[in-house]
Protein backbone atom coordinates (compact mmCIF):
# COMPACT_ATOMS: atom_id res chain seq x y z
CA MET A 1 114.18 202.34 107.19
CA SER A 2 116.13 200.88 109.93
CA ALA A 3 118.40 197.77 109.83
CA PHE A 4 118.26 194.43 112.10
CA SER A 5 121.47 192.09 112.40
CA PHE A 6 120.35 189.14 113.23
CA PRO A 7 122.91 187.00 115.72
CA ARG A 8 124.73 185.14 113.31
CA LEU A 9 125.12 188.21 110.72
CA ARG A 10 127.28 189.97 113.79
CA ILE A 11 129.69 187.74 113.49
CA ARG A 12 130.39 187.93 109.67
CA LEU A 13 130.47 191.80 109.50
CA ALA A 14 134.06 191.90 110.80
CA LEU A 15 135.27 190.26 107.73
CA SER A 16 133.15 192.52 105.90
CA ALA A 17 135.30 195.37 106.84
CA VAL A 18 138.15 194.19 104.88
CA LEU A 19 135.98 191.77 102.05
CA VAL A 20 133.36 194.89 100.93
CA PRO A 21 135.75 197.83 100.11
CA LEU A 22 138.26 195.31 97.86
CA SER A 23 135.10 194.31 95.86
CA LEU A 24 134.13 197.97 95.41
CA GLY A 25 136.42 198.23 92.50
CA PHE A 26 134.66 195.40 90.45
CA LEU A 27 131.43 197.09 90.99
CA ALA A 28 132.77 199.85 88.56
CA GLY A 29 131.90 197.69 85.64
CA CYS A 30 128.54 196.21 86.18
CA SER A 31 125.14 197.89 85.53
CA SER A 32 123.55 199.35 88.53
CA GLN A 33 120.41 201.32 89.80
CA PRO A 34 120.02 203.92 92.96
CA ILE A 35 116.63 202.63 94.34
CA ALA A 36 115.29 203.60 97.40
CA THR A 37 114.97 200.44 100.21
CA SER A 38 111.45 200.99 100.22
CA GLU A 39 110.70 200.90 96.70
CA LEU A 40 112.43 197.10 96.55
CA GLU A 41 110.69 193.95 95.41
CA VAL A 42 110.78 190.38 96.30
CA GLY A 43 113.79 188.77 94.16
CA ASP A 44 115.93 192.37 93.52
CA CYS A 45 119.34 191.73 94.10
CA PHE A 46 121.59 195.19 95.28
CA ASN A 47 124.40 195.85 97.29
CA MET A 48 124.23 196.66 100.71
CA PRO A 49 126.50 199.68 101.88
CA GLN A 50 128.94 198.54 104.77
CA GLU A 51 127.83 201.41 106.61
CA VAL A 52 124.01 200.30 106.84
CA LEU A 53 125.92 196.63 107.72
CA THR A 54 127.37 198.51 110.62
CA GLY A 55 125.03 200.83 111.50
CA THR A 56 126.53 203.65 111.36
CA GLN A 57 123.70 204.77 108.64
CA PRO A 58 119.97 204.39 107.92
CA ALA A 59 119.54 202.15 104.82
CA GLY A 60 117.76 204.65 102.83
CA GLN A 61 119.07 203.93 99.21
CA VAL A 62 120.80 200.95 97.28
CA GLU A 63 122.42 200.06 94.39
CA ARG A 64 119.91 197.48 92.46
CA VAL A 65 122.06 195.26 90.25
CA ASP A 66 121.06 192.25 87.86
CA CYS A 67 121.40 189.20 89.90
CA SER A 68 124.02 188.12 87.65
CA HIS A 69 126.35 190.61 88.66
CA SER A 70 128.21 190.52 91.89
CA HIS A 71 125.80 191.41 95.11
CA ASN A 72 125.71 190.85 98.74
CA SER A 73 121.78 191.09 99.21
CA GLN A 74 118.70 189.90 97.91
CA VAL A 75 115.07 190.42 98.70
CA VAL A 76 113.61 187.00 99.96
CA GLY A 77 110.37 188.67 101.15
CA ILE A 78 108.06 191.77 102.30
CA LYS A 79 105.44 191.94 104.85
CA GLU A 80 102.84 194.55 104.61
CA LEU A 81 102.20 195.98 108.03
CA THR A 82 98.87 196.87 108.81
CA ASP A 83 99.13 198.69 111.98
CA THR A 84 97.88 201.99 112.23
CA ARG A 85 100.29 203.16 115.10
CA TYR A 86 104.11 202.48 115.22
CA PRO A 87 104.81 199.26 116.78
CA GLY A 88 108.35 200.09 117.80
CA GLN A 89 111.67 198.23 117.08
CA LYS A 90 111.12 195.10 119.51
CA GLN A 91 107.60 194.35 118.13
CA LEU A 92 109.30 194.76 114.59
CA TYR A 93 112.65 192.73 115.38
CA ASP A 94 110.25 189.89 117.16
CA LEU A 95 107.98 189.84 113.93
CA ALA A 96 111.31 189.95 111.40
CA LEU A 97 112.62 186.63 113.08
CA LYS A 98 109.54 184.90 112.32
CA GLN A 99 108.73 186.11 109.17
CA CYS A 100 111.86 186.88 107.74
CA ALA A 101 112.81 183.18 108.76
CA GLN A 102 109.68 181.88 106.44
CA ASP A 103 110.31 184.31 103.84
CA PHE A 104 113.88 182.47 103.23
CA LYS A 105 112.73 179.29 103.63
CA ASP A 106 109.87 179.75 101.03
CA PHE A 107 112.14 181.64 98.41
CA VAL A 108 115.68 179.88 98.87
CA GLY A 109 114.03 176.28 99.57
CA SER A 110 115.89 175.48 102.64
CA SER A 111 116.18 177.52 106.34
CA TYR A 112 118.72 180.39 106.78
CA ARG A 113 120.40 178.30 109.52
CA ASP A 114 121.58 175.85 107.11
CA SER A 115 122.57 178.22 104.39
CA GLN A 116 125.81 180.21 103.83
CA TRP A 117 123.38 183.56 103.53
CA ASP A 118 122.19 185.59 106.70
CA LEU A 119 118.99 187.53 107.23
CA TYR A 120 119.06 191.10 107.50
CA PRO A 121 115.53 192.69 107.71
CA LEU A 122 114.92 196.38 106.99
CA SER A 123 111.82 197.88 108.67
CA PRO A 124 110.35 201.36 108.83
CA THR A 125 111.44 203.92 111.35
CA GLU A 126 108.95 205.79 114.05
CA THR A 127 109.96 208.88 111.81
CA SER A 128 109.26 206.91 108.13
CA TRP A 129 106.59 205.56 109.83
CA LYS A 130 104.79 208.82 110.37
CA ASP A 131 105.86 211.15 107.85
CA LYS A 132 106.02 208.78 104.58
CA ALA A 133 103.81 206.18 105.49
CA GLU A 134 106.44 203.06 105.16
CA ARG A 135 104.67 200.44 106.53
CA LYS A 136 106.69 197.04 105.16
CA LEU A 137 109.40 194.58 106.53
CA THR A 138 111.47 193.76 104.04
CA CYS A 139 113.73 190.40 104.07
CA VAL A 140 116.64 190.50 103.15
CA ALA A 141 119.25 187.86 102.35
CA LEU A 142 122.63 188.85 102.88
CA THR A 143 126.03 186.92 102.03
CA ILE A 144 129.75 188.16 102.10
CA PRO A 145 131.70 187.13 100.16
CA GLU A 146 129.49 188.96 97.13
CA GLN A 147 127.61 186.46 94.77
CA LYS A 148 126.63 186.42 91.10
CA ARG A 149 123.47 184.40 91.01
CA SER A 150 119.81 184.74 92.54
CA LEU A 151 119.04 182.67 95.50
CA GLU A 152 115.76 181.87 94.14
CA ASN A 153 114.93 178.08 94.46
CA SER A 154 118.49 177.40 94.99
CA LYS A 155 118.17 175.53 98.04
CA LYS A 156 121.83 177.05 99.48
């Protein structure tokens, strides 16, 4: 899967270069479960690797954790895509802008623009679309620093 970063997130990524490595030591005591990003479900909390955030590696697998443990990401929505042909990154990005903003509002109870969280949509790549039949847009809320709670109905 590929990940888009929305404009506000780019500003916070510089800060993550310092905070994320510092927090990794605390994760060692947490119960986590490796999972493919294509298997994530709405409400799942996980830690998005810094390499994915900075665009140096695709979003293939993440560590899912209980939402009461430190995490930087939570799935707020999933949109099944029904096209048989790959729509292209531009069309997926345009869809993500609308779909994920609405999914965030429905899940959290407030707009992501009024929130400390950012949106980070995961979408199929052209290769995964063809080879693995991945056909969903996964809308992820992301925050730095990490949180120890679910966003559901938090209005934050």
